N, C-alpha and C. Protein backbone atom coordinates (compact mmCIF):
# COMPACT_ATOMS: atom_id res chain seq x y z
N MET A 1 -8.03 23.25 15.96
CA MET A 1 -7.24 22.07 16.13
C MET A 1 -6.20 22.04 15.03
N ASP A 2 -4.95 21.82 15.40
CA ASP A 2 -3.85 21.79 14.43
C ASP A 2 -3.48 20.35 14.10
N PHE A 3 -3.23 20.11 12.82
CA PHE A 3 -2.77 18.81 12.34
C PHE A 3 -1.41 19.03 11.70
N TYR A 4 -0.41 18.29 12.20
CA TYR A 4 0.97 18.51 11.76
C TYR A 4 1.35 17.52 10.67
N GLY A 5 2.20 18.01 9.76
CA GLY A 5 2.71 17.17 8.70
C GLY A 5 4.09 17.65 8.30
N ASP A 6 4.74 16.87 7.46
CA ASP A 6 6.00 17.35 6.91
C ASP A 6 6.18 16.82 5.52
N GLY A 7 6.79 17.63 4.70
CA GLY A 7 7.03 17.28 3.32
C GLY A 7 8.41 17.72 2.92
N GLU A 8 9.25 16.78 2.54
CA GLU A 8 10.62 17.04 2.09
C GLU A 8 11.43 17.83 3.12
N GLY A 9 11.32 17.45 4.38
CA GLY A 9 12.09 18.07 5.44
C GLY A 9 11.51 19.38 5.96
N TRP A 10 10.36 19.77 5.47
CA TRP A 10 9.73 21.02 5.89
C TRP A 10 8.50 20.67 6.70
N ARG A 11 8.37 21.19 7.91
CA ARG A 11 7.22 20.88 8.76
C ARG A 11 6.22 22.02 8.75
N PHE A 12 4.97 21.66 8.88
CA PHE A 12 3.88 22.63 8.83
C PHE A 12 2.71 22.11 9.64
N ALA A 13 1.74 22.97 9.88
CA ALA A 13 0.50 22.58 10.55
C ALA A 13 -0.66 23.18 9.78
N VAL A 14 -1.72 22.40 9.63
CA VAL A 14 -2.95 22.90 9.01
C VAL A 14 -3.97 23.03 10.14
N ARG A 15 -4.54 24.21 10.28
CA ARG A 15 -5.45 24.50 11.38
C ARG A 15 -6.90 24.42 10.93
N ALA A 16 -7.66 23.55 11.62
CA ALA A 16 -9.12 23.49 11.44
C ALA A 16 -9.72 24.41 12.49
N GLU A 17 -10.41 25.44 12.03
CA GLU A 17 -10.98 26.41 12.97
C GLU A 17 -12.38 26.05 13.43
N THR A 18 -13.01 25.08 12.78
CA THR A 18 -14.32 24.59 13.18
C THR A 18 -14.32 23.06 13.09
N PRO A 19 -15.22 22.39 13.79
CA PRO A 19 -15.29 20.93 13.69
C PRO A 19 -15.56 20.45 12.25
N GLN A 20 -16.25 21.25 11.47
CA GLN A 20 -16.55 20.87 10.09
C GLN A 20 -15.30 20.88 9.21
N GLN A 21 -14.23 21.51 9.63
CA GLN A 21 -13.01 21.60 8.84
C GLN A 21 -11.99 20.51 9.16
N VAL A 22 -12.28 19.65 10.13
CA VAL A 22 -11.31 18.63 10.55
C VAL A 22 -10.96 17.69 9.40
N LEU A 23 -11.94 17.18 8.69
CA LEU A 23 -11.67 16.28 7.57
C LEU A 23 -10.86 16.99 6.49
N ALA A 24 -11.20 18.23 6.20
CA ALA A 24 -10.47 18.99 5.19
C ALA A 24 -9.02 19.22 5.64
N ALA A 25 -8.80 19.49 6.92
CA ALA A 25 -7.45 19.70 7.43
C ALA A 25 -6.61 18.44 7.27
N LYS A 26 -7.18 17.30 7.58
CA LYS A 26 -6.46 16.04 7.42
C LYS A 26 -6.14 15.77 5.95
N TYR A 27 -7.07 16.11 5.08
CA TYR A 27 -6.86 15.96 3.64
C TYR A 27 -5.68 16.83 3.20
N TRP A 28 -5.67 18.11 3.63
CA TRP A 28 -4.61 19.02 3.22
C TRP A 28 -3.25 18.57 3.76
N VAL A 29 -3.20 18.06 4.98
CA VAL A 29 -1.93 17.56 5.53
C VAL A 29 -1.40 16.43 4.66
N ALA A 30 -2.26 15.50 4.29
CA ALA A 30 -1.83 14.38 3.45
C ALA A 30 -1.36 14.87 2.08
N LEU A 31 -2.11 15.77 1.49
CA LEU A 31 -1.77 16.27 0.16
C LEU A 31 -0.49 17.09 0.17
N LEU A 32 -0.34 17.97 1.15
CA LEU A 32 0.87 18.79 1.24
C LEU A 32 2.10 17.94 1.56
N SER A 33 1.94 16.91 2.37
CA SER A 33 3.07 16.04 2.69
C SER A 33 3.54 15.27 1.47
N ALA A 34 2.61 14.83 0.65
CA ALA A 34 2.95 14.01 -0.51
C ALA A 34 3.42 14.85 -1.70
N ARG A 35 2.89 16.04 -1.85
CA ARG A 35 3.16 16.83 -3.06
C ARG A 35 3.58 18.26 -2.71
N ARG A 36 4.51 18.39 -1.80
CA ARG A 36 4.92 19.68 -1.24
C ARG A 36 5.35 20.70 -2.28
N ARG A 37 6.09 20.31 -3.28
CA ARG A 37 6.63 21.26 -4.27
C ARG A 37 5.57 21.89 -5.15
N GLU A 38 4.38 21.35 -5.17
CA GLU A 38 3.32 21.87 -6.02
C GLU A 38 2.56 23.03 -5.38
N PHE A 39 2.87 23.34 -4.13
CA PHE A 39 2.11 24.35 -3.40
C PHE A 39 3.02 25.44 -2.87
N ARG A 40 2.58 26.68 -2.98
CA ARG A 40 3.28 27.83 -2.41
C ARG A 40 2.43 28.30 -1.23
N ILE A 41 2.85 27.94 -0.02
CA ILE A 41 1.99 28.21 1.13
C ILE A 41 2.67 29.01 2.24
N VAL A 42 3.94 29.32 2.10
CA VAL A 42 4.64 30.04 3.16
C VAL A 42 3.98 31.39 3.42
N ASP A 43 3.53 32.07 2.37
CA ASP A 43 2.90 33.38 2.54
C ASP A 43 1.49 33.28 3.12
N LEU A 44 0.93 32.08 3.21
CA LEU A 44 -0.40 31.89 3.80
C LEU A 44 -0.35 31.71 5.32
N ALA A 45 0.85 31.55 5.87
CA ALA A 45 1.00 31.25 7.29
C ALA A 45 0.44 32.37 8.17
N ILE A 46 -0.31 31.96 9.20
CA ILE A 46 -0.85 32.94 10.14
C ILE A 46 0.01 33.03 11.40
N GLU A 47 0.82 32.01 11.64
CA GLU A 47 1.77 32.01 12.76
C GLU A 47 2.78 30.91 12.53
N CYS A 48 3.79 30.85 13.39
CA CYS A 48 4.84 29.83 13.27
C CYS A 48 4.97 29.06 14.58
N PHE A 49 5.52 27.87 14.49
CA PHE A 49 5.83 27.09 15.68
C PHE A 49 7.29 26.68 15.58
N THR A 50 7.93 26.49 16.73
CA THR A 50 9.34 26.13 16.76
C THR A 50 9.47 24.65 17.08
N TYR A 51 10.40 23.99 16.40
CA TYR A 51 10.69 22.59 16.69
C TYR A 51 12.18 22.36 16.53
N VAL A 52 12.66 21.29 17.13
CA VAL A 52 14.06 20.92 17.02
C VAL A 52 14.14 19.72 16.10
N GLY A 53 14.92 19.85 15.05
CA GLY A 53 15.06 18.76 14.09
C GLY A 53 15.82 17.59 14.68
N SER A 54 15.60 16.42 14.12
CA SER A 54 16.28 15.22 14.60
C SER A 54 17.62 15.06 13.89
N ALA A 55 18.44 14.16 14.40
CA ALA A 55 19.74 13.90 13.79
C ALA A 55 19.58 13.32 12.39
N ASP A 56 18.48 12.61 12.14
CA ASP A 56 18.25 12.03 10.83
C ASP A 56 18.12 13.10 9.75
N GLU A 57 17.61 14.27 10.12
CA GLU A 57 17.41 15.35 9.17
C GLU A 57 18.64 16.23 9.03
N GLY A 58 19.69 15.91 9.75
CA GLY A 58 20.88 16.74 9.70
C GLY A 58 20.79 17.95 10.62
N ALA A 59 19.77 18.00 11.46
CA ALA A 59 19.61 19.15 12.35
C ALA A 59 20.52 19.04 13.57
N GLY A 60 20.87 17.83 13.96
CA GLY A 60 21.79 17.66 15.08
C GLY A 60 23.21 17.62 14.53
N HIS A 61 24.03 18.58 14.88
CA HIS A 61 25.39 18.67 14.36
C HIS A 61 26.38 18.43 15.49
N ILE A 62 27.55 17.98 15.15
CA ILE A 62 28.60 17.78 16.14
C ILE A 62 29.46 19.04 16.18
N GLY A 63 29.67 19.58 17.37
CA GLY A 63 30.50 20.77 17.51
C GLY A 63 31.94 20.45 17.15
N ALA A 64 32.60 21.32 16.41
CA ALA A 64 33.95 21.07 15.93
C ALA A 64 34.98 21.08 17.07
N ASP A 65 34.77 21.91 18.08
CA ASP A 65 35.77 22.05 19.13
C ASP A 65 35.76 20.91 20.14
N TYR A 66 34.60 20.53 20.63
CA TYR A 66 34.54 19.59 21.74
C TYR A 66 33.77 18.32 21.43
N GLY A 67 33.26 18.17 20.24
CA GLY A 67 32.50 16.98 19.90
C GLY A 67 31.14 16.94 20.57
N THR A 68 30.64 18.08 21.00
CA THR A 68 29.33 18.14 21.65
C THR A 68 28.22 18.23 20.62
N ARG A 69 27.07 17.75 21.00
CA ARG A 69 25.91 17.79 20.11
C ARG A 69 25.25 19.15 20.14
N VAL A 70 24.93 19.66 18.98
CA VAL A 70 24.28 20.95 18.87
C VAL A 70 22.94 20.73 18.18
N SER A 71 21.88 21.23 18.78
CA SER A 71 20.56 21.12 18.16
C SER A 71 20.22 22.43 17.47
N VAL A 72 19.58 22.32 16.33
CA VAL A 72 19.20 23.50 15.57
C VAL A 72 17.69 23.65 15.66
N LYS A 73 17.25 24.83 16.11
CA LYS A 73 15.81 25.09 16.16
C LYS A 73 15.35 25.58 14.80
N ARG A 74 14.21 25.10 14.38
CA ARG A 74 13.62 25.49 13.11
C ARG A 74 12.21 25.99 13.36
N GLN A 75 11.64 26.61 12.34
CA GLN A 75 10.26 27.07 12.46
C GLN A 75 9.42 26.46 11.35
N GLY A 76 8.20 26.09 11.73
CA GLY A 76 7.22 25.62 10.76
C GLY A 76 6.06 26.58 10.72
N GLN A 77 5.35 26.59 9.62
CA GLN A 77 4.23 27.51 9.46
C GLN A 77 2.91 26.85 9.79
N VAL A 78 1.96 27.65 10.29
CA VAL A 78 0.60 27.21 10.55
C VAL A 78 -0.28 27.86 9.49
N ILE A 79 -1.02 27.04 8.75
CA ILE A 79 -1.88 27.51 7.66
C ILE A 79 -3.30 27.09 7.96
N THR A 80 -4.27 27.96 7.74
CA THR A 80 -5.66 27.60 7.99
C THR A 80 -6.28 26.89 6.78
N VAL A 81 -7.29 26.10 7.05
CA VAL A 81 -8.03 25.43 5.98
C VAL A 81 -8.65 26.48 5.05
N ASP A 82 -9.17 27.56 5.63
CA ASP A 82 -9.79 28.61 4.82
C ASP A 82 -8.81 29.21 3.82
N ALA A 83 -7.57 29.46 4.25
CA ALA A 83 -6.56 30.04 3.35
C ALA A 83 -6.22 29.07 2.21
N LEU A 84 -6.07 27.80 2.54
CA LEU A 84 -5.80 26.80 1.50
C LEU A 84 -6.96 26.68 0.53
N THR A 85 -8.17 26.70 1.07
CA THR A 85 -9.37 26.60 0.24
C THR A 85 -9.49 27.80 -0.69
N GLN A 86 -9.20 28.97 -0.17
CA GLN A 86 -9.31 30.17 -0.98
C GLN A 86 -8.30 30.16 -2.13
N ARG A 87 -7.08 29.68 -1.88
CA ARG A 87 -6.06 29.69 -2.93
C ARG A 87 -6.18 28.50 -3.88
N TYR A 88 -6.44 27.31 -3.36
CA TYR A 88 -6.35 26.10 -4.19
C TYR A 88 -7.69 25.42 -4.46
N GLY A 89 -8.76 25.91 -3.90
CA GLY A 89 -10.07 25.31 -4.16
C GLY A 89 -10.60 24.56 -2.97
N ALA A 90 -11.91 24.49 -2.92
CA ALA A 90 -12.59 23.84 -1.80
C ALA A 90 -12.59 22.33 -1.96
N ILE A 91 -12.82 21.69 -0.85
CA ILE A 91 -12.99 20.24 -0.85
C ILE A 91 -14.48 19.99 -0.73
N MET A 92 -15.00 19.18 -1.62
CA MET A 92 -16.42 18.87 -1.54
C MET A 92 -16.57 17.38 -1.27
N THR A 93 -17.66 17.00 -0.71
CA THR A 93 -17.92 15.58 -0.51
C THR A 93 -18.95 15.14 -1.53
N VAL A 94 -18.67 14.02 -2.14
CA VAL A 94 -19.56 13.46 -3.15
C VAL A 94 -20.06 12.13 -2.62
N LYS A 95 -21.35 12.00 -2.48
CA LYS A 95 -21.90 10.73 -2.01
C LYS A 95 -22.24 9.87 -3.21
N SER A 96 -21.62 8.72 -3.24
CA SER A 96 -21.86 7.79 -4.34
C SER A 96 -23.19 7.09 -4.12
N ARG A 97 -23.92 6.89 -5.19
CA ARG A 97 -25.21 6.22 -5.06
C ARG A 97 -25.07 4.73 -4.82
N THR A 98 -23.95 4.16 -5.24
CA THR A 98 -23.76 2.73 -5.08
C THR A 98 -22.99 2.38 -3.80
N LEU A 99 -22.31 3.35 -3.23
CA LEU A 99 -21.55 3.11 -2.02
C LEU A 99 -22.17 3.88 -0.87
N SER A 100 -22.07 3.33 0.32
CA SER A 100 -22.61 4.03 1.48
C SER A 100 -21.60 5.01 2.07
N SER A 101 -20.34 4.93 1.63
CA SER A 101 -19.33 5.84 2.17
C SER A 101 -19.30 7.15 1.39
N THR A 102 -18.66 8.13 1.97
CA THR A 102 -18.52 9.44 1.33
C THR A 102 -17.12 9.56 0.75
N CYS A 103 -17.02 9.98 -0.49
CA CYS A 103 -15.73 10.17 -1.14
C CYS A 103 -15.38 11.65 -1.10
N THR A 104 -14.14 11.95 -0.80
CA THR A 104 -13.71 13.34 -0.75
C THR A 104 -12.91 13.66 -1.99
N GLN A 105 -13.29 14.74 -2.68
CA GLN A 105 -12.60 15.16 -3.89
C GLN A 105 -12.39 16.66 -3.85
N PRO A 106 -11.25 17.14 -4.37
CA PRO A 106 -11.06 18.58 -4.44
C PRO A 106 -11.86 19.16 -5.59
N VAL A 107 -12.31 20.39 -5.44
CA VAL A 107 -13.08 21.04 -6.48
C VAL A 107 -12.17 21.53 -7.60
N SER A 108 -10.98 22.02 -7.26
CA SER A 108 -10.07 22.57 -8.26
C SER A 108 -9.31 21.46 -8.96
N GLY A 109 -8.33 21.83 -9.76
CA GLY A 109 -7.53 20.87 -10.50
C GLY A 109 -6.55 20.10 -9.64
N VAL A 110 -6.38 20.49 -8.38
CA VAL A 110 -5.48 19.76 -7.49
C VAL A 110 -6.17 18.48 -7.07
N ALA A 111 -5.54 17.36 -7.35
CA ALA A 111 -6.16 16.07 -7.03
C ALA A 111 -5.09 15.07 -6.65
N LEU A 112 -5.46 14.11 -5.86
CA LEU A 112 -4.55 13.02 -5.54
C LEU A 112 -4.46 12.10 -6.74
N SER A 113 -3.26 11.66 -7.05
CA SER A 113 -3.12 10.75 -8.18
C SER A 113 -2.73 9.37 -7.70
């Protein structure tokens, strides 16, 4: 299952290959969207997807000759949870003794602030 996100005009997808990775994939999408510049993930991509940018992103341009709209196709990368975990650390769940909910925290130094 792929979860799509974007950070600073760059679109990507994080792929959960098992049902147990769904929560981790959602975590990575949120983290990568918020802190995109802190991660080097282009080389982790296993495949790409094509999308057409919106006019808000500057992807829709006006043709100089006839004033026609031109759409620009872009590519986003698909990254697996396993690849992110291997490079940046696993996500573990910590059950608080005082709370009934489960808190998600990264094992490595990468953390939400």
